[in-house]
Amino acid sequence: MNGQTQNPTQIKLAILHDKGWTLAALADELGLTVNALEKWKAGQRNPANEKAVIEMLENIEKRRRIPKQRRYARGSRAKPQKDK
């Protein structure tokens, strides 16, 4: 990251990315926006309660199942009903 030292949040996000987590999936898990995570990843902002965020990211890291790469809103992928 341009020769700068990474903060703990950036390190955790990089580890999760390497394991296959997308920022969208992490945002869903944390109840945040992708934009917020992008800023944390870039080092532009830090979480208000970094210790709690690190703990949540560590809990996510322990999971065996990684969510699918694409995330759709519930019902957005439903096929239209044919008229009989």
N, C-alpha and C. Protein backbone atom coordinates (compact mmCIF):
# COMPACT_ATOMS: atom_id res chain seq x y z
N MET A 1 0.83 -1.19 0.00
CA MET A 1 0.00 0.00 0.00
C MET A 1 0.88 1.26 0.00
N ASN A 2 1.53 1.48 -1.07
CA ASN A 2 2.36 2.67 -1.25
C ASN A 2 3.44 2.80 -0.20
N GLY A 3 3.97 1.68 0.29
CA GLY A 3 5.05 1.72 1.26
C GLY A 3 4.62 2.07 2.67
N GLN A 4 3.33 2.25 2.89
CA GLN A 4 2.82 2.59 4.21
C GLN A 4 2.56 1.31 5.00
N THR A 5 2.65 1.42 6.30
CA THR A 5 2.33 0.30 7.16
C THR A 5 0.81 0.13 7.21
N GLN A 6 0.38 -1.11 7.11
CA GLN A 6 -1.05 -1.38 7.15
C GLN A 6 -1.54 -1.43 8.59
N ASN A 7 -2.75 -0.94 8.80
CA ASN A 7 -3.34 -1.02 10.13
C ASN A 7 -3.98 -2.40 10.29
N PRO A 8 -4.36 -2.79 11.51
CA PRO A 8 -4.92 -4.13 11.73
C PRO A 8 -6.17 -4.44 10.91
N THR A 9 -7.00 -3.45 10.66
CA THR A 9 -8.21 -3.67 9.86
C THR A 9 -7.83 -4.02 8.43
N GLN A 10 -6.88 -3.31 7.86
CA GLN A 10 -6.43 -3.59 6.51
C GLN A 10 -5.84 -4.99 6.41
N ILE A 11 -5.10 -5.39 7.41
CA ILE A 11 -4.48 -6.72 7.42
C ILE A 11 -5.56 -7.80 7.44
N LYS A 12 -6.56 -7.65 8.30
CA LYS A 12 -7.66 -8.64 8.40
C LYS A 12 -8.44 -8.69 7.09
N LEU A 13 -8.72 -7.54 6.50
CA LEU A 13 -9.45 -7.52 5.23
C LEU A 13 -8.65 -8.23 4.14
N ALA A 14 -7.34 -8.05 4.12
CA ALA A 14 -6.49 -8.70 3.13
C ALA A 14 -6.48 -10.22 3.33
N ILE A 15 -6.43 -10.66 4.58
CA ILE A 15 -6.46 -12.10 4.87
C ILE A 15 -7.77 -12.71 4.40
N LEU A 16 -8.88 -12.04 4.70
CA LEU A 16 -10.19 -12.55 4.29
C LEU A 16 -10.33 -12.54 2.77
N HIS A 17 -9.79 -11.52 2.13
CA HIS A 17 -9.82 -11.47 0.66
C HIS A 17 -9.07 -12.66 0.08
N ASP A 18 -7.92 -12.98 0.65
CA ASP A 18 -7.13 -14.12 0.18
C ASP A 18 -7.87 -15.44 0.37
N LYS A 19 -8.76 -15.49 1.35
CA LYS A 19 -9.55 -16.71 1.61
C LYS A 19 -10.79 -16.78 0.73
N GLY A 20 -11.04 -15.74 -0.06
CA GLY A 20 -12.16 -15.76 -1.00
C GLY A 20 -13.32 -14.86 -0.64
N TRP A 21 -13.23 -14.12 0.43
CA TRP A 21 -14.31 -13.21 0.83
C TRP A 21 -14.28 -11.96 -0.03
N THR A 22 -15.44 -11.54 -0.50
CA THR A 22 -15.54 -10.28 -1.22
C THR A 22 -15.93 -9.18 -0.24
N LEU A 23 -15.71 -7.93 -0.64
CA LEU A 23 -16.12 -6.83 0.22
C LEU A 23 -17.63 -6.80 0.37
N ALA A 24 -18.35 -7.18 -0.68
CA ALA A 24 -19.82 -7.21 -0.60
C ALA A 24 -20.29 -8.24 0.43
N ALA A 25 -19.67 -9.41 0.43
CA ALA A 25 -20.05 -10.45 1.39
C ALA A 25 -19.71 -10.02 2.81
N LEU A 26 -18.56 -9.40 2.99
CA LEU A 26 -18.18 -8.92 4.32
C LEU A 26 -19.11 -7.81 4.77
N ALA A 27 -19.48 -6.92 3.86
CA ALA A 27 -20.40 -5.84 4.21
C ALA A 27 -21.74 -6.41 4.67
N ASP A 28 -22.21 -7.47 3.98
CA ASP A 28 -23.45 -8.13 4.39
C ASP A 28 -23.32 -8.69 5.80
N GLU A 29 -22.22 -9.35 6.07
CA GLU A 29 -22.01 -9.98 7.38
C GLU A 29 -21.92 -8.94 8.50
N LEU A 30 -21.29 -7.82 8.22
CA LEU A 30 -21.09 -6.79 9.24
C LEU A 30 -22.23 -5.78 9.31
N GLY A 31 -23.12 -5.81 8.33
CA GLY A 31 -24.21 -4.85 8.31
C GLY A 31 -23.75 -3.45 7.94
N LEU A 32 -22.77 -3.38 7.06
CA LEU A 32 -22.20 -2.11 6.63
C LEU A 32 -22.33 -1.96 5.12
N THR A 33 -21.88 -0.84 4.61
CA THR A 33 -21.86 -0.64 3.16
C THR A 33 -20.51 -1.08 2.60
N VAL A 34 -20.52 -1.44 1.33
CA VAL A 34 -19.28 -1.81 0.66
C VAL A 34 -18.35 -0.59 0.64
N ASN A 35 -18.94 0.59 0.49
CA ASN A 35 -18.16 1.83 0.45
C ASN A 35 -17.32 2.00 1.74
N ALA A 36 -17.92 1.70 2.88
CA ALA A 36 -17.20 1.82 4.15
C ALA A 36 -16.00 0.87 4.17
N LEU A 37 -16.23 -0.37 3.73
CA LEU A 37 -15.14 -1.34 3.73
C LEU A 37 -14.04 -0.96 2.72
N GLU A 38 -14.44 -0.39 1.60
CA GLU A 38 -13.45 0.06 0.62
C GLU A 38 -12.54 1.13 1.23
N LYS A 39 -13.13 2.04 1.99
CA LYS A 39 -12.33 3.09 2.63
C LYS A 39 -11.41 2.52 3.70
N TRP A 40 -11.89 1.52 4.45
CA TRP A 40 -11.04 0.88 5.46
C TRP A 40 -9.88 0.17 4.77
N LYS A 41 -10.20 -0.54 3.68
CA LYS A 41 -9.17 -1.30 2.95
C LYS A 41 -8.10 -0.37 2.38
N ALA A 42 -8.52 0.79 1.88
CA ALA A 42 -7.59 1.76 1.30
C ALA A 42 -6.84 2.55 2.36
N GLY A 43 -7.27 2.46 3.62
CA GLY A 43 -6.63 3.22 4.68
C GLY A 43 -7.08 4.67 4.75
N GLN A 44 -8.16 4.99 4.04
CA GLN A 44 -8.69 6.36 4.06
C GLN A 44 -9.44 6.65 5.35
N ARG A 45 -10.02 5.62 5.93
CA ARG A 45 -10.77 5.75 7.19
C ARG A 45 -10.48 4.54 8.06
N ASN A 46 -10.77 4.70 9.35
CA ASN A 46 -10.67 3.60 10.29
C ASN A 46 -12.02 3.41 10.96
N PRO A 47 -12.34 2.17 11.36
CA PRO A 47 -13.60 1.95 12.06
C PRO A 47 -13.65 2.74 13.36
N ALA A 48 -14.84 3.18 13.74
CA ALA A 48 -14.99 3.94 14.98
C ALA A 48 -14.57 3.10 16.18
N ASN A 49 -14.92 1.81 16.18
CA ASN A 49 -14.54 0.92 17.26
C ASN A 49 -13.72 -0.22 16.65
N GLU A 50 -12.46 0.08 16.37
CA GLU A 50 -11.61 -0.85 15.63
C GLU A 50 -11.45 -2.19 16.35
N LYS A 51 -11.39 -2.17 17.65
CA LYS A 51 -11.21 -3.42 18.40
C LYS A 51 -12.39 -4.37 18.17
N ALA A 52 -13.61 -3.85 18.21
CA ALA A 52 -14.81 -4.67 17.98
C ALA A 52 -14.85 -5.17 16.54
N VAL A 53 -14.47 -4.33 15.59
CA VAL A 53 -14.47 -4.72 14.18
C VAL A 53 -13.45 -5.84 13.95
N ILE A 54 -12.27 -5.72 14.52
CA ILE A 54 -11.23 -6.75 14.39
C ILE A 54 -11.76 -8.07 14.95
N GLU A 55 -12.44 -8.01 16.08
CA GLU A 55 -13.00 -9.22 16.69
C GLU A 55 -14.03 -9.87 15.77
N MET A 56 -14.90 -9.06 15.16
CA MET A 56 -15.90 -9.60 14.23
C MET A 56 -15.22 -10.21 13.01
N LEU A 57 -14.19 -9.54 12.48
CA LEU A 57 -13.48 -10.08 11.32
C LEU A 57 -12.76 -11.38 11.66
N GLU A 58 -12.24 -11.49 12.89
CA GLU A 58 -11.60 -12.73 13.31
C GLU A 58 -12.61 -13.87 13.40
N ASN A 59 -13.83 -13.57 13.87
CA ASN A 59 -14.88 -14.59 13.93
C ASN A 59 -15.27 -15.04 12.52
N ILE A 60 -15.33 -14.11 11.60
CA ILE A 60 -15.64 -14.46 10.20
C ILE A 60 -14.52 -15.32 9.62
N GLU A 61 -13.28 -14.99 9.97
CA GLU A 61 -12.12 -15.71 9.46
C GLU A 61 -12.14 -17.18 9.89
N LYS A 62 -12.71 -17.48 11.03
CA LYS A 62 -12.75 -18.85 11.56
C LYS A 62 -13.77 -19.73 10.84
N ARG A 63 -14.67 -19.14 10.11
CA ARG A 63 -15.70 -19.91 9.43
C ARG A 63 -15.10 -20.76 8.32
N ARG A 64 -15.70 -21.91 8.12
CA ARG A 64 -15.23 -22.79 7.05
C ARG A 64 -15.91 -22.45 5.72
N ARG A 65 -17.15 -22.04 5.80
CA ARG A 65 -17.92 -21.78 4.58
C ARG A 65 -17.80 -20.30 4.20
N ILE A 66 -17.41 -20.09 2.97
CA ILE A 66 -17.31 -18.73 2.43
C ILE A 66 -18.51 -18.51 1.53
N PRO A 67 -19.18 -17.36 1.64
CA PRO A 67 -20.38 -17.14 0.81
C PRO A 67 -20.04 -17.10 -0.67
N LYS A 68 -21.07 -17.28 -1.49
CA LYS A 68 -20.90 -17.22 -2.94
C LYS A 68 -20.34 -15.87 -3.35
N GLN A 69 -19.67 -15.84 -4.48
CA GLN A 69 -19.06 -14.61 -4.96
C GLN A 69 -20.10 -13.55 -5.32
N ARG A 70 -21.24 -13.97 -5.88
CA ARG A 70 -22.27 -13.00 -6.27
C ARG A 70 -23.36 -12.99 -5.23
N ARG A 71 -23.78 -11.82 -4.87
CA ARG A 71 -24.83 -11.68 -3.88
C ARG A 71 -26.01 -10.96 -4.52
N TYR A 72 -27.16 -11.57 -4.46
CA TYR A 72 -28.35 -10.98 -5.03
C TYR A 72 -29.37 -10.71 -3.94
N ALA A 73 -30.20 -9.73 -4.17
CA ALA A 73 -31.29 -9.45 -3.24
C ALA A 73 -32.29 -10.59 -3.30
N ARG A 74 -32.90 -10.91 -2.18
CA ARG A 74 -33.86 -11.99 -2.11
C ARG A 74 -35.00 -11.73 -3.10
N GLY A 75 -35.27 -12.73 -3.94
CA GLY A 75 -36.35 -12.62 -4.91
C GLY A 75 -35.95 -11.98 -6.23
N SER A 76 -34.79 -11.40 -6.32
CA SER A 76 -34.39 -10.72 -7.56
C SER A 76 -34.08 -11.71 -8.68
N ARG A 77 -33.80 -12.95 -8.31
CA ARG A 77 -33.45 -13.96 -9.29
C ARG A 77 -34.63 -14.90 -9.61
N ALA A 78 -35.80 -14.59 -9.11
CA ALA A 78 -36.97 -15.44 -9.33
C ALA A 78 -37.41 -15.39 -10.79
N LYS A 79 -37.79 -16.54 -11.31
CA LYS A 79 -38.28 -16.59 -12.70
C LYS A 79 -39.71 -16.08 -12.75
N PRO A 80 -40.05 -15.35 -13.80
CA PRO A 80 -41.43 -14.85 -13.90
C PRO A 80 -42.40 -16.02 -14.11
N GLN A 81 -43.59 -15.88 -13.55
CA GLN A 81 -44.62 -16.91 -13.66
C GLN A 81 -45.28 -16.81 -15.04
N LYS A 82 -45.47 -17.96 -15.67
CA LYS A 82 -46.15 -17.99 -16.96
C LYS A 82 -47.64 -18.04 -16.75
N ASP A 83 -48.37 -17.30 -17.56
CA ASP A 83 -49.83 -17.34 -17.51
C ASP A 83 -50.31 -18.62 -18.18
N LYS A 84 -51.30 -19.26 -17.61
CA LYS A 84 -51.82 -20.51 -18.18
C LYS A 84 -53.00 -20.27 -19.04
